[in-house]
Protein backbone atom coordinates (compact mmCIF):
# COMPACT_ATOMS: atom_id res chain seq x y z
CA MET A 1 -24.19 42.06 -42.13
CA ILE A 2 -27.86 42.50 -41.60
CA ARG A 3 -29.00 44.29 -38.61
CA ALA A 4 -32.28 43.24 -37.11
CA SER A 5 -33.14 46.07 -35.51
CA GLU A 6 -32.64 48.19 -38.67
CA TYR A 7 -36.21 46.49 -40.03
CA ILE A 8 -37.04 45.41 -36.31
CA LYS A 9 -38.08 46.16 -32.75
CA THR A 10 -38.68 42.32 -31.01
CA GLY A 11 -38.37 39.17 -32.36
CA PHE A 12 -41.65 38.33 -31.48
CA SER A 13 -44.44 37.47 -33.88
CA ALA A 14 -44.61 36.07 -37.59
CA ASN A 15 -45.12 39.52 -38.09
CA ASP A 16 -41.34 40.18 -36.97
CA ALA A 17 -40.03 37.76 -39.18
CA GLU A 18 -41.38 37.91 -41.85
CA CYS A 19 -39.94 41.60 -42.16
CA LEU A 20 -36.73 40.48 -41.22
CA GLY A 21 -37.62 36.80 -44.02
CA THR A 22 -37.71 39.49 -46.88
CA ILE A 23 -34.21 40.63 -45.94
CA ILE A 24 -33.01 37.53 -45.88
CA GLU A 25 -34.60 35.58 -48.44
CA PRO A 26 -32.92 37.19 -51.17
CA MET A 27 -29.55 36.60 -49.64
CA VAL A 28 -29.75 32.53 -49.42
CA GLY A 29 -28.39 30.39 -51.82
CA HIS A 30 -25.91 32.78 -53.25
CA GLY A 31 -23.03 31.11 -51.38
CA GLU A 32 -22.14 34.18 -48.91
CA LYS A 33 -22.26 33.52 -45.13
CA ILE A 34 -25.31 35.69 -43.77
CA GLN A 35 -25.02 37.48 -40.94
CA ILE A 36 -27.39 38.55 -38.73
CA ASP A 37 -26.80 41.02 -35.84
CA PHE A 38 -29.63 41.15 -33.09
CA SER A 39 -27.85 43.86 -30.71
CA ASN A 40 -30.72 45.40 -29.25
CA ILE A 41 -33.27 43.60 -29.71
CA LYS A 42 -34.40 42.00 -26.60
CA ILE A 43 -37.98 40.03 -27.00
CA PHE A 44 -37.74 36.72 -28.30
CA THR A 45 -39.77 33.66 -29.58
CA THR A 46 -39.27 30.61 -31.03
CA LEU A 47 -42.11 31.16 -33.82
CA PHE A 48 -40.11 33.84 -34.86
CA PHE A 49 -36.81 31.73 -35.15
CA ASN A 50 -38.93 29.29 -37.24
CA ILE A 51 -40.03 31.31 -39.31
CA ALA A 52 -37.50 33.77 -40.59
CA LEU A 53 -34.84 31.38 -39.29
CA THR A 54 -34.33 27.40 -38.52
CA LYS A 55 -37.10 26.95 -41.75
CA TYR A 56 -33.73 27.04 -43.27
CA ILE A 57 -32.24 23.46 -40.84
CA VAL A 58 -35.01 21.38 -42.09
CA GLN A 59 -35.04 23.13 -46.27
CA PHE A 60 -31.51 22.37 -46.18
CA GLY A 61 -29.92 20.36 -43.39
CA PRO A 62 -28.09 20.97 -40.01
CA GLN A 63 -24.49 20.89 -41.49
CA LYS A 64 -25.87 23.46 -44.54
CA TYR A 65 -27.39 25.68 -42.33
CA GLU A 66 -24.15 26.44 -40.59
CA GLU A 67 -22.01 27.39 -43.34
CA MET A 68 -25.15 29.68 -44.99
CA PHE A 69 -26.12 31.91 -41.34
CA GLU A 70 -24.13 33.05 -38.30
CA ILE A 71 -25.72 35.10 -35.58
CA LEU A 72 -24.67 37.42 -33.80
CA ASN A 73 -25.35 39.30 -30.52
CA LEU A 74 -27.94 37.57 -29.03
CA SER A 75 -29.03 38.66 -25.91
CA GLU A 76 -29.13 35.75 -23.03
CA VAL A 77 -33.09 34.90 -23.86
CA GLY A 78 -32.94 35.37 -27.22
CA GLN A 79 -29.82 33.04 -27.35
CA SER A 80 -31.97 30.47 -24.94
CA THR A 81 -35.22 31.02 -27.74
CA TYR A 82 -33.06 30.34 -30.90
CA GLN A 83 -31.54 27.62 -29.45
CA HIS A 84 -35.09 26.39 -28.52
CA SER A 85 -36.51 26.71 -32.31
CA PHE A 86 -32.74 25.50 -33.89
CA ASP A 87 -32.82 22.01 -32.15
CA ASN A 88 -36.63 21.62 -32.49
CA ALA A 89 -35.65 21.75 -36.50
CA VAL A 90 -32.70 19.49 -36.49
CA GLU A 91 -34.77 16.91 -34.14
CA TYR A 92 -37.91 17.54 -37.30
CA TYR A 93 -34.74 17.03 -40.26
CA LYS A 94 -33.74 14.02 -38.77
CA LEU A 95 -37.49 12.51 -38.68
CA SER A 96 -38.34 9.92 -41.86
CA ALA A 97 -40.09 10.86 -44.51
CA ALA A 98 -43.61 8.50 -42.56
CA GLN A 99 -42.61 9.98 -39.08
CA LYS A 100 -42.74 14.02 -41.00
CA SER A 101 -46.01 12.82 -42.98
CA GLU A 102 -47.18 11.87 -39.64
CA GLN A 103 -46.58 14.93 -37.69
CA THR A 104 -48.10 17.06 -40.89
CA ALA A 105 -51.12 14.65 -40.49
CA LEU A 106 -51.32 15.80 -36.16
CA LEU A 107 -50.57 19.25 -37.12
CA SER A 108 -53.25 18.63 -39.88
CA ASP A 109 -56.39 16.95 -37.25
CA PHE A 110 -55.19 20.26 -34.65
CA ASP A 111 -55.85 22.43 -37.44
CA GLU A 112 -59.08 21.57 -37.83
CA ASP A 113 -59.89 21.51 -34.22
């Protein structure tokens, strides 16, 4: 079990997500459920969850993700924020290749502004 509070103080920034990601990444693909305990962490953003966790929904699909990960002890705000990130990733996963390409182009245009 990964106790997130041993590695991060908040689930707020990309840096927090990358820090936790260095612990998660080596465990991905080993076939064992990855349990992550978020006890004692109260501040979360969707950016954090997008980078640390829900990117795996896009990579593997929602069903495989649910088999791979168990998220424990999120605060009420954490659960709400996580659910938003989860739902967005599932919706993105469902897009056709053409729709994903269109989304990427839109984001690229946004980055150039």
